[in-house]
Amino acid sequence: MDQSSLQGLEYRSAFTLYSVDGKRAAAVLEFRNGETYLDEQEWLEGTTFKNRHSGSLVGPFASPEDAEKFIVATAWFRGSQD
């Protein structure tokens, strides 16, 4: 399912994960159709969090747990370049 087909679907925010340094966040969004997506955000100094992908979500994942396992394993979320 492409993201345009998510438009207008209900979802709930299952939880939000924050990196250890607090500079990155990922909201885990569970849609009514059973798919889960991530809304990745980065902290901008002096402002607030800004969407990392210009409003696009990352996914789909089969469950909030799968989304969490994915994001915490990424170099971006850990703040490393490897």
PDB file of N, CA and C in Angstrom:
ATOM      1  N   MET A   1       0.858  -1.179   0.000  1.00  0.00           N
ATOM      2  CA  MET A   1       0.000   0.000   0.000  1.00  0.00           C
ATOM      3  C   MET A   1       0.899   1.236   0.000  1.00  0.00           C
ATOM      4  N   ASP A   2       0.673   2.134  -0.933  1.00  0.00           N
ATOM      5  CA  ASP A   2       1.498   3.343  -0.920  1.00  0.00           C
ATOM      6  C   ASP A   2       0.921   4.350   0.065  1.00  0.00           C
ATOM      7  N   GLN A   3       1.749   5.326   0.422  1.00  0.00           N
ATOM      8  CA  GLN A   3       1.357   6.258   1.473  1.00  0.00           C
ATOM      9  C   GLN A   3       0.177   7.133   1.100  1.00  0.00           C
ATOM     10  N   SER A   4      -0.052   7.365  -0.183  1.00  0.00           N
ATOM     11  CA  SER A   4      -1.199   8.189  -0.571  1.00  0.00           C
ATOM     12  C   SER A   4      -2.504   7.501  -0.170  1.00  0.00           C
ATOM     13  N   SER A   5      -2.486   6.175  -0.077  1.00  0.00           N
ATOM     14  CA  SER A   5      -3.695   5.460   0.322  1.00  0.00           C
ATOM     15  C   SER A   5      -3.933   5.532   1.830  1.00  0.00           C
ATOM     16  N   LEU A   6      -2.996   6.087   2.575  1.00  0.00           N
ATOM     17  CA  LEU A   6      -3.186   6.289   4.012  1.00  0.00           C
ATOM     18  C   LEU A   6      -3.976   7.558   4.309  1.00  0.00           C
ATOM     19  N   GLN A   7      -4.042   8.449   3.349  1.00  0.00           N
ATOM     20  CA  GLN A   7      -4.709   9.729   3.560  1.00  0.00           C
ATOM     21  C   GLN A   7      -6.156   9.508   3.987  1.00  0.00           C
ATOM     22  N   GLY A   8      -6.509  10.101   5.101  1.00  0.00           N
ATOM     23  CA  GLY A   8      -7.862  10.007   5.624  1.00  0.00           C
ATOM     24  C   GLY A   8      -8.114   8.817   6.529  1.00  0.00           C
ATOM     25  N   LEU A   9      -7.153   7.878   6.614  1.00  0.00           N
ATOM     26  CA  LEU A   9      -7.328   6.739   7.505  1.00  0.00           C
ATOM     27  C   LEU A   9      -7.082   7.154   8.945  1.00  0.00           C
ATOM     28  N   GLU A  10      -7.842   6.575   9.843  1.00  0.00           N
ATOM     29  CA  GLU A  10      -7.625   6.828  11.259  1.00  0.00           C
ATOM     30  C   GLU A  10      -6.391   6.081  11.734  1.00  0.00           C
ATOM     31  N   TYR A  11      -5.704   6.680  12.690  1.00  0.00           N
ATOM     32  CA  TYR A  11      -4.555   6.028  13.306  1.00  0.00           C
ATOM     33  C   TYR A  11      -4.463   6.457  14.752  1.00  0.00           C
ATOM     34  N   ARG A  12      -3.676   5.698  15.506  1.00  0.00           N
ATOM     35  CA  ARG A  12      -3.395   6.089  16.880  1.00  0.00           C
ATOM     36  C   ARG A  12      -1.893   6.147  17.046  1.00  0.00           C
ATOM     37  N   SER A  13      -1.468   7.034  17.889  1.00  0.00           N
ATOM     38  CA  SER A  13      -0.055   7.116  18.214  1.00  0.00           C
ATOM     39  C   SER A  13       0.198   6.089  19.312  1.00  0.00           C
ATOM     40  N   ALA A  14       0.865   4.996  18.946  1.00  0.00           N
ATOM     41  CA  ALA A  14       1.106   3.919  19.907  1.00  0.00           C
ATOM     42  C   ALA A  14       2.088   4.374  20.988  1.00  0.00           C
ATOM     43  N   PHE A  15       3.196   4.998  20.563  1.00  0.00           N
ATOM     44  CA  PHE A  15       4.194   5.535  21.479  1.00  0.00           C
ATOM     45  C   PHE A  15       5.217   6.310  20.672  1.00  0.00           C
ATOM     46  N   THR A  16       6.052   7.078  21.363  1.00  0.00           N
ATOM     47  CA  THR A  16       7.136   7.818  20.723  1.00  0.00           C
ATOM     48  C   THR A  16       8.436   7.409  21.375  1.00  0.00           C
ATOM     49  N   LEU A  17       9.419   7.118  20.540  1.00  0.00           N
ATOM     50  CA  LEU A  17      10.759   6.754  21.008  1.00  0.00           C
ATOM     51  C   LEU A  17      11.691   7.943  20.835  1.00  0.00           C
ATOM     52  N   TYR A  18      12.588   8.146  21.794  1.00  0.00           N
ATOM     53  CA  TYR A  18      13.571   9.230  21.728  1.00  0.00           C
ATOM     54  C   TYR A  18      14.963   8.631  21.805  1.00  0.00           C
ATOM     55  N   SER A  19      15.887   9.199  21.028  1.00  0.00           N
ATOM     56  CA  SER A  19      17.276   8.753  21.079  1.00  0.00           C
ATOM     57  C   SER A  19      17.856   9.100  22.448  1.00  0.00           C
ATOM     58  N   VAL A  20      18.955   8.451  22.801  1.00  0.00           N
ATOM     59  CA  VAL A  20      19.587   8.662  24.102  1.00  0.00           C
ATOM     60  C   VAL A  20      19.940  10.129  24.309  1.00  0.00           C
ATOM     61  N   ASP A  21      20.411  10.799  23.258  1.00  0.00           N
ATOM     62  CA  ASP A  21      20.794  12.210  23.378  1.00  0.00           C
ATOM     63  C   ASP A  21      19.611  13.171  23.203  1.00  0.00           C
ATOM     64  N   GLY A  22      18.424  12.643  22.932  1.00  0.00           N
ATOM     65  CA  GLY A  22      17.229  13.465  22.809  1.00  0.00           C
ATOM     66  C   GLY A  22      17.130  14.267  21.524  1.00  0.00           C
ATOM     67  N   LYS A  23      18.001  14.001  20.552  1.00  0.00           N
ATOM     68  CA  LYS A  23      18.016  14.787  19.313  1.00  0.00           C
ATOM     69  C   LYS A  23      17.207  14.162  18.183  1.00  0.00           C
ATOM     70  N   ARG A  24      16.734  12.956  18.385  1.00  0.00           N
ATOM     71  CA  ARG A  24      15.946  12.269  17.369  1.00  0.00           C
ATOM     72  C   ARG A  24      14.742  11.618  18.040  1.00  0.00           C
ATOM     73  N   ALA A  25      13.628  11.612  17.324  1.00  0.00           N
ATOM     74  CA  ALA A  25      12.402  11.002  17.844  1.00  0.00           C
ATOM     75  C   ALA A  25      11.715  10.241  16.722  1.00  0.00           C
ATOM     76  N   ALA A  26      10.981   9.222  17.104  1.00  0.00           N
ATOM     77  CA  ALA A  26      10.205   8.457  16.135  1.00  0.00           C
ATOM     78  C   ALA A  26       8.857   8.126  16.760  1.00  0.00           C
ATOM     79  N   ALA A  27       7.806   8.723  16.217  1.00  0.00           N
ATOM     80  CA  ALA A  27       6.453   8.401  16.653  1.00  0.00           C
ATOM     81  C   ALA A  27       6.015   7.139  15.914  1.00  0.00           C
ATOM     82  N   VAL A  28       5.499   6.182  16.664  1.00  0.00           N
ATOM     83  CA  VAL A  28       5.019   4.933  16.089  1.00  0.00           C
ATOM     84  C   VAL A  28       3.509   5.076  15.915  1.00  0.00           C
ATOM     85  N   LEU A  29       3.068   5.065  14.656  1.00  0.00           N
ATOM     86  CA  LEU A  29       1.664   5.306  14.310  1.00  0.00           C
ATOM     87  C   LEU A  29       1.015   4.025  13.816  1.00  0.00           C
ATOM     88  N   GLU A  30      -0.047   3.611  14.483  1.00  0.00           N
ATOM     89  CA  GLU A  30      -0.745   2.381  14.124  1.00  0.00           C
ATOM     90  C   GLU A  30      -2.050   2.751  13.404  1.00  0.00           C
ATOM     91  N   PHE A  31      -2.122   2.414  12.116  1.00  0.00           N
ATOM     92  CA  PHE A  31      -3.277   2.772  11.307  1.00  0.00           C
ATOM     93  C   PHE A  31      -4.397   1.738  11.428  1.00  0.00           C
ATOM     94  N   ARG A  32      -5.594   2.205  11.173  1.00  0.00           N
ATOM     95  CA  ARG A  32      -6.789   1.360  11.297  1.00  0.00           C
ATOM     96  C   ARG A  32      -6.716   0.136  10.373  1.00  0.00           C
ATOM     97  N   ASN A  33      -5.974   0.245   9.267  1.00  0.00           N
ATOM     98  CA  ASN A  33      -5.866  -0.879   8.327  1.00  0.00           C
ATOM     99  C   ASN A  33      -4.892  -1.951   8.807  1.00  0.00           C
ATOM    100  N   GLY A  34      -4.306  -1.759  10.000  1.00  0.00           N
ATOM    101  CA  GLY A  34      -3.411  -2.762  10.573  1.00  0.00           C
ATOM    102  C   GLY A  34      -1.936  -2.503  10.323  1.00  0.00           C
ATOM    103  N   GLU A  35      -1.614  -1.538   9.485  1.00  0.00           N
ATOM    104  CA  GLU A  35      -0.207  -1.231   9.216  1.00  0.00           C
ATOM    105  C   GLU A  35       0.321  -0.197  10.207  1.00  0.00           C
ATOM    106  N   THR A  36       1.613  -0.260  10.435  1.00  0.00           N
ATOM    107  CA  THR A  36       2.282   0.661  11.351  1.00  0.00           C
ATOM    108  C   THR A  36       3.356   1.414  10.594  1.00  0.00           C
ATOM    109  N   TYR A  37       3.469   2.702  10.872  1.00  0.00           N
ATOM    110  CA  TYR A  37       4.468   3.556  10.231  1.00  0.00           C
ATOM    111  C   TYR A  37       5.210   4.356  11.295  1.00  0.00           C
ATOM    112  N   LEU A  38       6.379   4.846  10.916  1.00  0.00           N
ATOM    113  CA  LEU A  38       7.174   5.722  11.773  1.00  0.00           C
ATOM    114  C   LEU A  38       7.172   7.138  11.223  1.00  0.00           C
ATOM    115  N   ASP A  39       7.054   8.093  12.111  1.00  0.00           N
ATOM    116  CA  ASP A  39       7.225   9.504  11.770  1.00  0.00           C
ATOM    117  C   ASP A  39       8.532   9.937  12.436  1.00  0.00           C
ATOM    118  N   GLU A  40       9.615   9.963  11.643  1.00  0.00           N
ATOM    119  CA  GLU A  40      10.942  10.294  12.172  1.00  0.00           C
ATOM    120  C   GLU A  40      11.129  11.806  12.222  1.00  0.00           C
ATOM    121  N   GLN A  41      11.686  12.287  13.335  1.00  0.00           N
ATOM    122  CA  GLN A  41      11.898  13.717  13.509  1.00  0.00           C
ATOM    123  C   GLN A  41      13.260  13.986  14.125  1.00  0.00           C
ATOM    124  N   GLU A  42      13.826  15.153  13.770  1.00  0.00           N
ATOM    125  CA  GLU A  42      15.122  15.582  14.303  1.00  0.00           C
ATOM    126  C   GLU A  42      14.950  16.921  15.002  1.00  0.00           C
ATOM    127  N   TRP A  43      15.707  17.128  16.067  1.00  0.00           N
ATOM    128  CA  TRP A  43      15.686  18.377  16.813  1.00  0.00           C
ATOM    129  C   TRP A  43      16.479  19.432  16.053  1.00  0.00           C
ATOM    130  N   LEU A  44      15.891  20.604  15.890  1.00  0.00           N
ATOM    131  CA  LEU A  44      16.589  21.737  15.296  1.00  0.00           C
ATOM    132  C   LEU A  44      16.910  22.706  16.423  1.00  0.00           C
ATOM    133  N   GLU A  45      18.176  23.028  16.586  1.00  0.00           N
ATOM    134  CA  GLU A  45      18.599  23.903  17.680  1.00  0.00           C
ATOM    135  C   GLU A  45      17.754  25.168  17.743  1.00  0.00           C
ATOM    136  N   GLY A  46      17.302  25.484  18.944  1.00  0.00           N
ATOM    137  CA  GLY A  46      16.543  26.703  19.168  1.00  0.00           C
ATOM    138  C   GLY A  46      15.107  26.652  18.709  1.00  0.00           C
ATOM    139  N   THR A  47      14.676  25.528  18.160  1.00  0.00           N
ATOM    140  CA  THR A  47      13.297  25.447  17.685  1.00  0.00           C
ATOM    141  C   THR A  47      12.593  24.251  18.309  1.00  0.00           C
ATOM    142  N   THR A  48      12.296  23.286  17.504  1.00  0.00           N
ATOM    143  CA  THR A  48      11.564  22.104  17.940  1.00  0.00           C
ATOM    144  C   THR A  48      11.915  20.946  17.014  1.00  0.00           C
ATOM    145  N   PHE A  49      11.201  19.847  17.137  1.00  0.00           N
ATOM    146  CA  PHE A  49      11.439  18.721  16.239  1.00  0.00           C
ATOM    147  C   PHE A  49      10.851  19.014  14.861  1.00  0.00           C
ATOM    148  N   LYS A  50      11.561  18.574  13.827  1.00  0.00           N
ATOM    149  CA  LYS A  50      11.110  18.741  12.440  1.00  0.00           C
ATOM    150  C   LYS A  50      11.128  17.385  11.761  1.00  0.00           C
ATOM    151  N   ASN A  51      10.104  17.113  10.955  1.00  0.00           N
ATOM    152  CA  ASN A  51      10.007  15.841  10.254  1.00  0.00           C
ATOM    153  C   ASN A  51      11.229  15.624   9.378  1.00  0.00           C
ATOM    154  N   ARG A  52      11.793  14.454   9.470  1.00  0.00           N
ATOM    155  CA  ARG A  52      13.017  14.115   8.746  1.00  0.00           C
ATOM    156  C   ARG A  52      12.778  13.917   7.253  1.00  0.00           C
ATOM    157  N   HIS A  53      11.602  13.520   6.865  1.00  0.00           N
ATOM    158  CA  HIS A  53      11.334  13.162   5.463  1.00  0.00           C
ATOM    159  C   HIS A  53      10.262  14.042   4.831  1.00  0.00           C
ATOM    160  N   SER A  54      10.238  15.300   5.185  1.00  0.00           N
ATOM    161  CA  SER A  54       9.273  16.259   4.613  1.00  0.00           C
ATOM    162  C   SER A  54       7.838  15.762   4.664  1.00  0.00           C
ATOM    163  N   GLY A  55       7.471  15.145   5.749  1.00  0.00           N
ATOM    164  CA  GLY A  55       6.095  14.687   5.929  1.00  0.00           C
ATOM    165  C   GLY A  55       5.835  13.250   5.543  1.00  0.00           C
ATOM    166  N   SER A  56       6.793  12.598   4.903  1.00  0.00           N
ATOM    167  CA  SER A  56       6.605  11.195   4.531  1.00  0.00           C
ATOM    168  C   SER A  56       6.877  10.296   5.734  1.00  0.00           C
ATOM    169  N   LEU A  57       6.119   9.218   5.810  1.00  0.00           N
ATOM    170  CA  LEU A  57       6.292   8.248   6.882  1.00  0.00           C
ATOM    171  C   LEU A  57       7.176   7.103   6.415  1.00  0.00           C
ATOM    172  N   VAL A  58       7.759   6.376   7.361  1.00  0.00           N
ATOM    173  CA  VAL A  58       8.605   5.221   7.054  1.00  0.00           C
ATOM    174  C   VAL A  58       7.801   3.965   7.385  1.00  0.00           C
ATOM    175  N   GLY A  59       7.751   3.034   6.450  1.00  0.00           N
ATOM    176  CA  GLY A  59       7.019   1.796   6.678  1.00  0.00           C
ATOM    177  C   GLY A  59       6.460   1.273   5.380  1.00  0.00           C
ATOM    178  N   PRO A  60       5.591   0.329   5.437  1.00  0.00           N
ATOM    179  CA  PRO A  60       4.858  -0.147   6.597  1.00  0.00           C
ATOM    180  C   PRO A  60       5.589  -1.249   7.364  1.00  0.00           C
ATOM    181  N   PHE A  61       5.179  -1.399   8.614  1.00  0.00           N
ATOM    182  CA  PHE A  61       5.651  -2.470   9.481  1.00  0.00           C
ATOM    183  C   PHE A  61       4.428  -3.276   9.912  1.00  0.00           C
ATOM    184  N   ALA A  62       4.649  -4.524  10.264  1.00  0.00           N
ATOM    185  CA  ALA A  62       3.544  -5.402  10.645  1.00  0.00           C
ATOM    186  C   ALA A  62       2.963  -5.052  12.009  1.00  0.00           C
ATOM    187  N   SER A  63       3.787  -4.434  12.870  1.00  0.00           N
ATOM    188  CA  SER A  63       3.327  -4.128  14.224  1.00  0.00           C
ATOM    189  C   SER A  63       4.161  -2.990  14.811  1.00  0.00           C
ATOM    190  N   PRO A  64       3.673  -2.362  15.882  1.00  0.00           N
ATOM    191  CA  PRO A  64       4.482  -1.353  16.565  1.00  0.00           C
ATOM    192  C   PRO A  64       5.815  -1.917  17.063  1.00  0.00           C
ATOM    193  N   GLU A  65       5.810  -3.158  17.501  1.00  0.00           N
ATOM    194  CA  GLU A  65       7.048  -3.794  17.971  1.00  0.00           C
ATOM    195  C   GLU A  65       8.069  -3.932  16.846  1.00  0.00           C
ATOM    196  N   ASP A  66       7.603  -4.298  15.646  1.00  0.00           N
ATOM    197  CA  ASP A  66       8.511  -4.403  14.498  1.00  0.00           C
ATOM    198  C   ASP A  66       9.083  -3.036  14.135  1.00  0.00           C
ATOM    199  N   ALA A  67       8.248  -2.007  14.203  1.00  0.00           N
ATOM    200  CA  ALA A  67       8.720  -0.653  13.911  1.00  0.00           C
ATOM    201  C   ALA A  67       9.778  -0.229  14.926  1.00  0.00           C
ATOM    202  N   GLU A  68       9.550  -0.535  16.198  1.00  0.00           N
ATOM    203  CA  GLU A  68      10.518  -0.187  17.239  1.00  0.00           C
ATOM    204  C   GLU A  68      11.849  -0.908  17.017  1.00  0.00           C
ATOM    205  N   LYS A  69      11.796  -2.196  16.728  1.00  0.00           N
ATOM    206  CA  LYS A  69      13.025  -2.960  16.473  1.00  0.00           C
ATOM    207  C   LYS A  69      13.814  -2.361  15.311  1.00  0.00           C
ATOM    208  N   PHE A  70      13.105  -1.937  14.274  1.00  0.00           N
ATOM    209  CA  PHE A  70      13.759  -1.345  13.113  1.00  0.00           C
ATOM    210  C   PHE A  70      14.457  -0.039  13.481  1.00  0.00           C
ATOM    211  N   ILE A  71      13.723   0.904  14.081  1.00  0.00           N
ATOM    212  CA  ILE A  71      14.272   2.242  14.280  1.00  0.00           C
ATOM    213  C   ILE A  71      15.422   2.254  15.279  1.00  0.00           C
ATOM    214  N   VAL A  72      15.333   1.486  16.346  1.00  0.00           N
ATOM    215  CA  VAL A  72      16.417   1.523  17.342  1.00  0.00           C
ATOM    216  C   VAL A  72      17.700   0.898  16.809  1.00  0.00           C
ATOM    217  N   ALA A  73      17.598   0.132  15.733  1.00  0.00           N
ATOM    218  CA  ALA A  73      18.780  -0.488  15.133  1.00  0.00           C
ATOM    219  C   ALA A  73      19.445   0.393  14.077  1.00  0.00           C
ATOM    220  N   THR A  74      18.807   1.495  13.692  1.00  0.00           N
ATOM    221  CA  THR A  74      19.386   2.326  12.639  1.00  0.00           C
ATOM    222  C   THR A  74      20.507   3.226  13.168  1.00  0.00           C
ATOM    223  N   ALA A  75      21.501   3.453  12.336  1.00  0.00           N
ATOM    224  CA  ALA A  75      22.611   4.352  12.684  1.00  0.00           C
ATOM    225  C   ALA A  75      22.081   5.762  12.932  1.00  0.00           C
ATOM    226  N   TRP A  76      21.096   6.191  12.156  1.00  0.00           N
ATOM    227  CA  TRP A  76      20.537   7.528  12.334  1.00  0.00           C
ATOM    228  C   TRP A  76      19.995   7.704  13.749  1.00  0.00           C
ATOM    229  N   PHE A  77      19.187   6.762  14.223  1.00  0.00           N
ATOM    230  CA  PHE A  77      18.577   6.889  15.538  1.00  0.00           C
ATOM    231  C   PHE A  77      19.619   6.826  16.647  1.00  0.00           C
ATOM    232  N   ARG A  78      20.636   6.011  16.456  1.00  0.00           N
ATOM    233  CA  ARG A  78      21.713   5.882  17.448  1.00  0.00           C
ATOM    234  C   ARG A  78      22.663   7.076  17.404  1.00  0.00           C
ATOM    235  N   GLY A  79      22.588   7.872  16.336  1.00  0.00           N
ATOM    236  CA  GLY A  79      23.461   9.040  16.220  1.00  0.00           C
ATOM    237  C   GLY A  79      24.856   8.710  15.751  1.00  0.00           C
ATOM    238  N   SER A  80      24.983   7.566  15.079  1.00  0.00           N
ATOM    239  CA  SER A  80      26.309   7.179  14.547  1.00  0.00           C
ATOM    240  C   SER A  80      26.261   7.120  13.033  1.00  0.00           C
ATOM    241  N   GLN A  81      27.420   7.062  12.442  1.00  0.00           N
ATOM    242  CA  GLN A  81      27.513   7.041  10.982  1.00  0.00           C
ATOM    243  C   GLN A  81      27.766   5.653  10.411  1.00  0.00           C
ATOM    244  N   ASP A  82      27.871   4.633  11.252  1.00  0.00           N
ATOM    245  CA  ASP A  82      28.169   3.277  10.745  1.00  0.00           C
ATOM    246  C   ASP A  82      26.947   2.509  10.385  1.00  0.00           C
TER     247      ASP A  82
END
